[in-house]
């Protein structure tokens, strides 16, 4: 099974539909936020270098490959 990691702020917003989809689908994922990862900005920039600021969030990685924009991900 692929490994999913979502990079987003610890708030409801554009990342919340993604979180809900994972939970409702019973799909395990890592929910990475600045609250639970001190290297959040560095890791997010490393996986998605074209979005160094908040405008590039949420970012979902699937086996390390980055995908951006919540509607496109859904």
PDB file of N, CA and C in Angstrom:
ATOM      1  N   UNK A   1       0.846  -1.182   0.000  1.00  0.00           N
ATOM      2  CA  UNK A   1       0.000   0.000   0.000  1.00  0.00           C
ATOM      3  C   UNK A   1       0.893   1.247   0.000  1.00  0.00           C
ATOM      4  N   UNK A   2       0.531   2.253  -0.769  1.00  0.00           N
ATOM      5  CA  UNK A   2       1.340   3.476  -0.803  1.00  0.00           C
ATOM      6  C   UNK A   2       1.365   4.191   0.540  1.00  0.00           C
ATOM      7  N   UNK A   3       2.406   4.986   0.741  1.00  0.00           N
ATOM      8  CA  UNK A   3       2.493   5.819   1.938  1.00  0.00           C
ATOM      9  C   UNK A   3       2.031   7.228   1.582  1.00  0.00           C
ATOM     10  N   UNK A   4       1.072   7.730   2.350  1.00  0.00           N
ATOM     11  CA  UNK A   4       0.524   9.063   2.132  1.00  0.00           C
ATOM     12  C   UNK A   4       0.950   9.979   3.272  1.00  0.00           C
ATOM     13  N   UNK A   5       1.381  11.191   2.917  1.00  0.00           N
ATOM     14  CA  UNK A   5       1.719  12.194   3.927  1.00  0.00           C
ATOM     15  C   UNK A   5       1.151  13.534   3.473  1.00  0.00           C
ATOM     16  N   UNK A   6       0.323  14.112   4.322  1.00  0.00           N
ATOM     17  CA  UNK A   6      -0.307  15.394   4.036  1.00  0.00           C
ATOM     18  C   UNK A   6       0.412  16.491   4.808  1.00  0.00           C
ATOM     19  N   UNK A   7       0.819  17.543   4.106  1.00  0.00           N
ATOM     20  CA  UNK A   7       1.430  18.717   4.721  1.00  0.00           C
ATOM     21  C   UNK A   7       0.394  19.837   4.714  1.00  0.00           C
ATOM     22  N   UNK A   8      -0.022  20.254   5.887  1.00  0.00           N
ATOM     23  CA  UNK A   8      -0.975  21.360   6.001  1.00  0.00           C
ATOM     24  C   UNK A   8      -0.957  21.876   7.431  1.00  0.00           C
ATOM     25  N   UNK A   9      -1.539  23.042   7.617  1.00  0.00           N
ATOM     26  CA  UNK A   9      -1.630  23.645   8.960  1.00  0.00           C
ATOM     27  C   UNK A   9      -2.588  22.842   9.821  1.00  0.00           C
ATOM     28  N   UNK A  10      -2.459  22.928  11.143  1.00  0.00           N
ATOM     29  CA  UNK A  10      -3.341  22.168  12.043  1.00  0.00           C
ATOM     30  C   UNK A  10      -4.688  22.879  12.243  1.00  0.00           C
ATOM     31  N   UNK A  11      -5.336  23.214  11.145  1.00  0.00           N
ATOM     32  CA  UNK A  11      -6.626  23.914  11.178  1.00  0.00           C
ATOM     33  C   UNK A  11      -7.550  23.280  10.150  1.00  0.00           C
ATOM     34  N   UNK A  12      -8.828  23.594  10.255  1.00  0.00           N
ATOM     35  CA  UNK A  12      -9.716  23.227   9.157  1.00  0.00           C
ATOM     36  C   UNK A  12      -9.491  24.252   8.061  1.00  0.00           C
ATOM     37  N   UNK A  13      -9.615  23.840   6.867  1.00  0.00           N
ATOM     38  CA  UNK A  13      -9.360  24.708   5.726  1.00  0.00           C
ATOM     39  C   UNK A  13      -9.260  23.841   4.491  1.00  0.00           C
ATOM     40  N   UNK A  14      -8.384  24.205   3.582  1.00  0.00           N
ATOM     41  CA  UNK A  14      -8.257  23.462   2.328  1.00  0.00           C
ATOM     42  C   UNK A  14      -7.776  22.026   2.524  1.00  0.00           C
ATOM     43  N   UNK A  15      -7.088  21.756   3.609  1.00  0.00           N
ATOM     44  CA  UNK A  15      -6.616  20.399   3.864  1.00  0.00           C
ATOM     45  C   UNK A  15      -7.646  19.497   4.517  1.00  0.00           C
ATOM     46  N   UNK A  16      -8.694  20.081   5.078  1.00  0.00           N
ATOM     47  CA  UNK A  16      -9.679  19.281   5.815  1.00  0.00           C
ATOM     48  C   UNK A  16     -10.432  18.285   4.942  1.00  0.00           C
ATOM     49  N   UNK A  17     -10.867  18.638   3.729  1.00  0.00           N
ATOM     50  CA  UNK A  17     -11.515  17.610   2.900  1.00  0.00           C
ATOM     51  C   UNK A  17     -10.595  16.415   2.606  1.00  0.00           C
ATOM     52  N   UNK A  18      -9.299  16.675   2.498  1.00  0.00           N
ATOM     53  CA  UNK A  18      -8.356  15.582   2.280  1.00  0.00           C
ATOM     54  C   UNK A  18      -8.274  14.689   3.511  1.00  0.00           C
ATOM     55  N   UNK A  19      -8.179  15.297   4.672  1.00  0.00           N
ATOM     56  CA  UNK A  19      -8.141  14.517   5.912  1.00  0.00           C
ATOM     57  C   UNK A  19      -9.401  13.666   6.053  1.00  0.00           C
ATOM     58  N   UNK A  20     -10.549  14.281   5.811  1.00  0.00           N
ATOM     59  CA  UNK A  20     -11.820  13.560   5.939  1.00  0.00           C
ATOM     60  C   UNK A  20     -11.912  12.409   4.943  1.00  0.00           C
ATOM     61  N   UNK A  21     -11.430  12.615   3.733  1.00  0.00           N
ATOM     62  CA  UNK A  21     -11.456  11.556   2.728  1.00  0.00           C
ATOM     63  C   UNK A  21     -10.627  10.366   3.180  1.00  0.00           C
ATOM     64  N   UNK A  22      -9.445  10.617   3.727  1.00  0.00           N
ATOM     65  CA  UNK A  22      -8.613   9.530   4.241  1.00  0.00           C
ATOM     66  C   UNK A  22      -9.304   8.798   5.390  1.00  0.00           C
ATOM     67  N   UNK A  23      -9.839   9.557   6.333  1.00  0.00           N
ATOM     68  CA  UNK A  23     -10.475   8.947   7.506  1.00  0.00           C
ATOM     69  C   UNK A  23     -11.709   8.133   7.095  1.00  0.00           C
ATOM     70  N   UNK A  24     -12.580   8.733   6.294  1.00  0.00           N
ATOM     71  CA  UNK A  24     -13.792   8.032   5.874  1.00  0.00           C
ATOM     72  C   UNK A  24     -13.489   6.812   5.010  1.00  0.00           C
ATOM     73  N   UNK A  25     -12.414   6.887   4.233  1.00  0.00           N
ATOM     74  CA  UNK A  25     -12.025   5.757   3.399  1.00  0.00           C
ATOM     75  C   UNK A  25     -11.217   4.702   4.138  1.00  0.00           C
ATOM     76  N   UNK A  26     -10.879   4.978   5.404  1.00  0.00           N
ATOM     77  CA  UNK A  26     -10.091   4.025   6.180  1.00  0.00           C
ATOM     78  C   UNK A  26      -8.667   3.879   5.665  1.00  0.00           C
ATOM     79  N   UNK A  27      -8.146   4.937   5.056  1.00  0.00           N
ATOM     80  CA  UNK A  27      -6.804   4.909   4.475  1.00  0.00           C
ATOM     81  C   UNK A  27      -5.824   5.566   5.440  1.00  0.00           C
ATOM     82  N   UNK A  28      -4.802   4.831   5.889  1.00  0.00           N
ATOM     83  CA  UNK A  28      -3.822   5.428   6.799  1.00  0.00           C
ATOM     84  C   UNK A  28      -2.983   6.485   6.088  1.00  0.00           C
ATOM     85  N   UNK A  29      -2.731   7.588   6.807  1.00  0.00           N
ATOM     86  CA  UNK A  29      -1.902   8.664   6.269  1.00  0.00           C
ATOM     87  C   UNK A  29      -1.223   9.377   7.424  1.00  0.00           C
ATOM     88  N   UNK A  30      -0.123  10.053   7.103  1.00  0.00           N
ATOM     89  CA  UNK A  30       0.578  10.850   8.108  1.00  0.00           C
ATOM     90  C   UNK A  30       0.146  12.294   7.921  1.00  0.00           C
ATOM     91  N   UNK A  31      -0.389  12.893   8.972  1.00  0.00           N
ATOM     92  CA  UNK A  31      -0.871  14.268   8.942  1.00  0.00           C
ATOM     93  C   UNK A  31       0.219  15.164   9.526  1.00  0.00           C
ATOM     94  N   UNK A  32       1.027  15.762   8.663  1.00  0.00           N
ATOM     95  CA  UNK A  32       2.186  16.549   9.082  1.00  0.00           C
ATOM     96  C   UNK A  32       1.806  18.023   9.158  1.00  0.00           C
ATOM     97  N   UNK A  33       2.007  18.598  10.340  1.00  0.00           N
ATOM     98  CA  UNK A  33       1.717  20.008  10.595  1.00  0.00           C
ATOM     99  C   UNK A  33       2.892  20.618  11.351  1.00  0.00           C
ATOM    100  N   UNK A  34       2.967  21.951  11.418  1.00  0.00           N
ATOM    101  CA  UNK A  34       4.031  22.558  12.227  1.00  0.00           C
ATOM    102  C   UNK A  34       3.920  22.183  13.708  1.00  0.00           C
ATOM    103  N   UNK A  35       2.731  21.800  14.143  1.00  0.00           N
ATOM    104  CA  UNK A  35       2.537  21.429  15.548  1.00  0.00           C
ATOM    105  C   UNK A  35       3.170  20.082  15.883  1.00  0.00           C
ATOM    106  N   UNK A  36       3.311  19.189  14.905  1.00  0.00           N
ATOM    107  CA  UNK A  36       3.872  17.869  15.217  1.00  0.00           C
ATOM    108  C   UNK A  36       5.182  17.579  14.478  1.00  0.00           C
ATOM    109  N   UNK A  37       5.710  18.562  13.739  1.00  0.00           N
ATOM    110  CA  UNK A  37       6.969  18.383  13.020  1.00  0.00           C
ATOM    111  C   UNK A  37       7.733  19.705  13.040  1.00  0.00           C
ATOM    112  N   UNK A  38       8.803  19.759  13.802  1.00  0.00           N
ATOM    113  CA  UNK A  38       9.561  21.010  13.939  1.00  0.00           C
ATOM    114  C   UNK A  38      10.248  21.416  12.641  1.00  0.00           C
ATOM    115  N   UNK A  39      10.453  20.480  11.739  1.00  0.00           N
ATOM    116  CA  UNK A  39      11.088  20.780  10.453  1.00  0.00           C
ATOM    117  C   UNK A  39      10.052  20.906   9.336  1.00  0.00           C
ATOM    118  N   UNK A  40       8.825  21.252   9.685  1.00  0.00           N
ATOM    119  CA  UNK A  40       7.716  21.307   8.740  1.00  0.00           C
ATOM    120  C   UNK A  40       8.049  22.111   7.484  1.00  0.00           C
ATOM    121  N   UNK A  41       8.471  23.360   7.638  1.00  0.00           N
ATOM    122  CA  UNK A  41       8.735  24.221   6.472  1.00  0.00           C
ATOM    123  C   UNK A  41       9.861  23.676   5.606  1.00  0.00           C
ATOM    124  N   UNK A  42      10.912  23.186   6.220  1.00  0.00           N
ATOM    125  CA  UNK A  42      12.024  22.628   5.457  1.00  0.00           C
ATOM    126  C   UNK A  42      11.603  21.374   4.701  1.00  0.00           C
ATOM    127  N   UNK A  43      10.850  20.496   5.356  1.00  0.00           N
ATOM    128  CA  UNK A  43      10.395  19.264   4.707  1.00  0.00           C
ATOM    129  C   UNK A  43       9.408  19.568   3.589  1.00  0.00           C
ATOM    130  N   UNK A  44       8.496  20.508   3.817  1.00  0.00           N
ATOM    131  CA  UNK A  44       7.509  20.869   2.801  1.00  0.00           C
ATOM    132  C   UNK A  44       8.198  21.461   1.577  1.00  0.00           C
ATOM    133  N   UNK A  45       9.172  22.337   1.807  1.00  0.00           N
ATOM    134  CA  UNK A  45       9.917  22.935   0.706  1.00  0.00           C
ATOM    135  C   UNK A  45      10.738  21.878  -0.039  1.00  0.00           C
ATOM    136  N   UNK A  46      11.252  20.903   0.669  1.00  0.00           N
ATOM    137  CA  UNK A  46      12.037  19.843   0.028  1.00  0.00           C
ATOM    138  C   UNK A  46      11.178  18.984  -0.900  1.00  0.00           C
ATOM    139  N   UNK A  47       9.931  18.697  -0.506  1.00  0.00           N
ATOM    140  CA  UNK A  47       9.076  17.859  -1.357  1.00  0.00           C
ATOM    141  C   UNK A  47       8.379  18.658  -2.442  1.00  0.00           C
ATOM    142  N   UNK A  48       8.197  19.970  -2.216  1.00  0.00           N
ATOM    143  CA  UNK A  48       7.501  20.817  -3.195  1.00  0.00           C
ATOM    144  C   UNK A  48       8.235  22.159  -3.290  1.00  0.00           C
ATOM    145  N   UNK A  49       9.405  22.181  -3.935  1.00  0.00           N
ATOM    146  CA  UNK A  49      10.246  23.387  -3.934  1.00  0.00           C
ATOM    147  C   UNK A  49       9.644  24.579  -4.670  1.00  0.00           C
ATOM    148  N   UNK A  50       8.635  24.384  -5.484  1.00  0.00           N
ATOM    149  CA  UNK A  50       8.050  25.500  -6.238  1.00  0.00           C
ATOM    150  C   UNK A  50       7.008  26.265  -5.446  1.00  0.00           C
ATOM    151  N   UNK A  51       6.767  25.849  -4.219  1.00  0.00           N
ATOM    152  CA  UNK A  51       5.801  26.534  -3.359  1.00  0.00           C
ATOM    153  C   UNK A  51       6.438  26.781  -1.997  1.00  0.00           C
ATOM    154  N   UNK A  52       7.404  27.701  -1.910  1.00  0.00           N
ATOM    155  CA  UNK A  52       8.111  27.911  -0.648  1.00  0.00           C
ATOM    156  C   UNK A  52       7.277  28.582   0.435  1.00  0.00           C
ATOM    157  N   UNK A  53       6.168  29.195   0.074  1.00  0.00           N
ATOM    158  CA  UNK A  53       5.337  29.840   1.082  1.00  0.00           C
ATOM    159  C   UNK A  53       4.029  29.068   1.254  1.00  0.00           C
ATOM    160  N   UNK A  54       3.125  29.621   2.001  1.00  0.00           N
ATOM    161  CA  UNK A  54       1.875  28.931   2.317  1.00  0.00           C
ATOM    162  C   UNK A  54       0.971  28.745   1.112  1.00  0.00           C
ATOM    163  N   UNK A  55       1.221  29.466   0.025  1.00  0.00           N
ATOM    164  CA  UNK A  55       0.338  29.348  -1.133  1.00  0.00           C
ATOM    165  C   UNK A  55       0.381  27.965  -1.758  1.00  0.00           C
ATOM    166  N   UNK A  56       1.404  27.200  -1.463  1.00  0.00           N
ATOM    167  CA  UNK A  56       1.515  25.865  -2.038  1.00  0.00           C
ATOM    168  C   UNK A  56       0.883  24.778  -1.213  1.00  0.00           C
ATOM    169  N   UNK A  57       0.222  25.125  -0.136  1.00  0.00           N
ATOM    170  CA  UNK A  57      -0.380  24.105   0.716  1.00  0.00           C
ATOM    171  C   UNK A  57      -1.850  23.943   0.379  1.00  0.00           C
ATOM    172  N   UNK A  58      -2.414  22.790   0.560  1.00  0.00           N
ATOM    173  CA  UNK A  58      -1.808  21.559   1.064  1.00  0.00           C
ATOM    174  C   UNK A  58      -0.957  20.860   0.003  1.00  0.00           C
ATOM    175  N   UNK A  59      -0.035  20.048   0.510  1.00  0.00           N
ATOM    176  CA  UNK A  59       0.778  19.186  -0.335  1.00  0.00           C
ATOM    177  C   UNK A  59       0.588  17.769   0.172  1.00  0.00           C
ATOM    178  N   UNK A  60       0.323  16.855  -0.743  1.00  0.00           N
ATOM    179  CA  UNK A  60       0.197  15.446  -0.398  1.00  0.00           C
ATOM    180  C   UNK A  60       1.323  14.709  -1.096  1.00  0.00           C
ATOM    181  N   UNK A  61       2.056  13.891  -0.339  1.00  0.00           N
ATOM    182  CA  UNK A  61       3.053  13.034  -0.980  1.00  0.00           C
ATOM    183  C   UNK A  61       2.515  11.614  -0.998  1.00  0.00           C
ATOM    184  N   UNK A  62       2.725  10.969  -2.132  1.00  0.00           N
ATOM    185  CA  UNK A  62       2.381   9.563  -2.294  1.00  0.00           C
ATOM    186  C   UNK A  62       3.674   8.853  -2.623  1.00  0.00           C
ATOM    187  N   UNK A  63       4.145   8.056  -1.677  1.00  0.00           N
ATOM    188  CA  UNK A  63       5.456   7.407  -1.798  1.00  0.00           C
ATOM    189  C   UNK A  63       6.550   8.402  -2.146  1.00  0.00           C
ATOM    190  N   UNK A  64       6.473   9.605  -1.541  1.00  0.00           N
ATOM    191  CA  UNK A  64       7.502  10.620  -1.703  1.00  0.00           C
ATOM    192  C   UNK A  64       7.304  11.571  -2.874  1.00  0.00           C
ATOM    193  N   UNK A  65       6.375  11.287  -3.765  1.00  0.00           N
ATOM    194  CA  UNK A  65       6.115  12.176  -4.899  1.00  0.00           C
ATOM    195  C   UNK A  65       5.053  13.193  -4.501  1.00  0.00           C
ATOM    196  N   UNK A  66       5.336  14.483  -4.731  1.00  0.00           N
ATOM    197  CA  UNK A  66       4.472  15.559  -4.246  1.00  0.00           C
ATOM    198  C   UNK A  66       3.372  15.910  -5.238  1.00  0.00           C
ATOM    199  N   UNK A  67       2.182  16.164  -4.660  1.00  0.00           N
ATOM    200  CA  UNK A  67       1.027  16.654  -5.400  1.00  0.00           C
ATOM    201  C   UNK A  67       0.468  17.844  -4.637  1.00  0.00           C
ATOM    202  N   UNK A  68       0.052  18.882  -5.362  1.00  0.00           N
ATOM    203  CA  UNK A  68      -0.439  20.087  -4.712  1.00  0.00           C
ATOM    204  C   UNK A  68      -1.852  20.405  -5.184  1.00  0.00           C
ATOM    205  N   UNK A  69      -2.464  21.363  -4.495  1.00  0.00           N
ATOM    206  CA  UNK A  69      -3.802  21.880  -4.777  1.00  0.00           C
ATOM    207  C   UNK A  69      -4.863  20.870  -4.337  1.00  0.00           C
ATOM    208  N   UNK A  70      -5.653  21.253  -3.359  1.00  0.00           N
ATOM    209  CA  UNK A  70      -6.598  20.334  -2.727  1.00  0.00           C
ATOM    210  C   UNK A  70      -7.614  19.734  -3.702  1.00  0.00           C
ATOM    211  N   UNK A  71      -8.162  20.532  -4.601  1.00  0.00           N
ATOM    212  CA  UNK A  71      -9.151  19.981  -5.540  1.00  0.00           C
ATOM    213  C   UNK A  71      -8.517  19.004  -6.509  1.00  0.00           C
ATOM    214  N   UNK A  72      -7.321  19.296  -6.960  1.00  0.00           N
ATOM    215  CA  UNK A  72      -6.626  18.372  -7.854  1.00  0.00           C
ATOM    216  C   UNK A  72      -6.318  17.058  -7.142  1.00  0.00           C
ATOM    217  N   UNK A  73      -5.933  17.130  -5.879  1.00  0.00           N
ATOM    218  CA  UNK A  73      -5.637  15.928  -5.105  1.00  0.00           C
ATOM    219  C   UNK A  73      -6.900  15.104  -4.920  1.00  0.00           C
ATOM    220  N   UNK A  74      -7.996  15.754  -4.575  1.00  0.00           N
ATOM    221  CA  UNK A  74      -9.256  15.021  -4.383  1.00  0.00           C
ATOM    222  C   UNK A  74      -9.676  14.346  -5.676  1.00  0.00           C
TER     223      UNK A  74
END
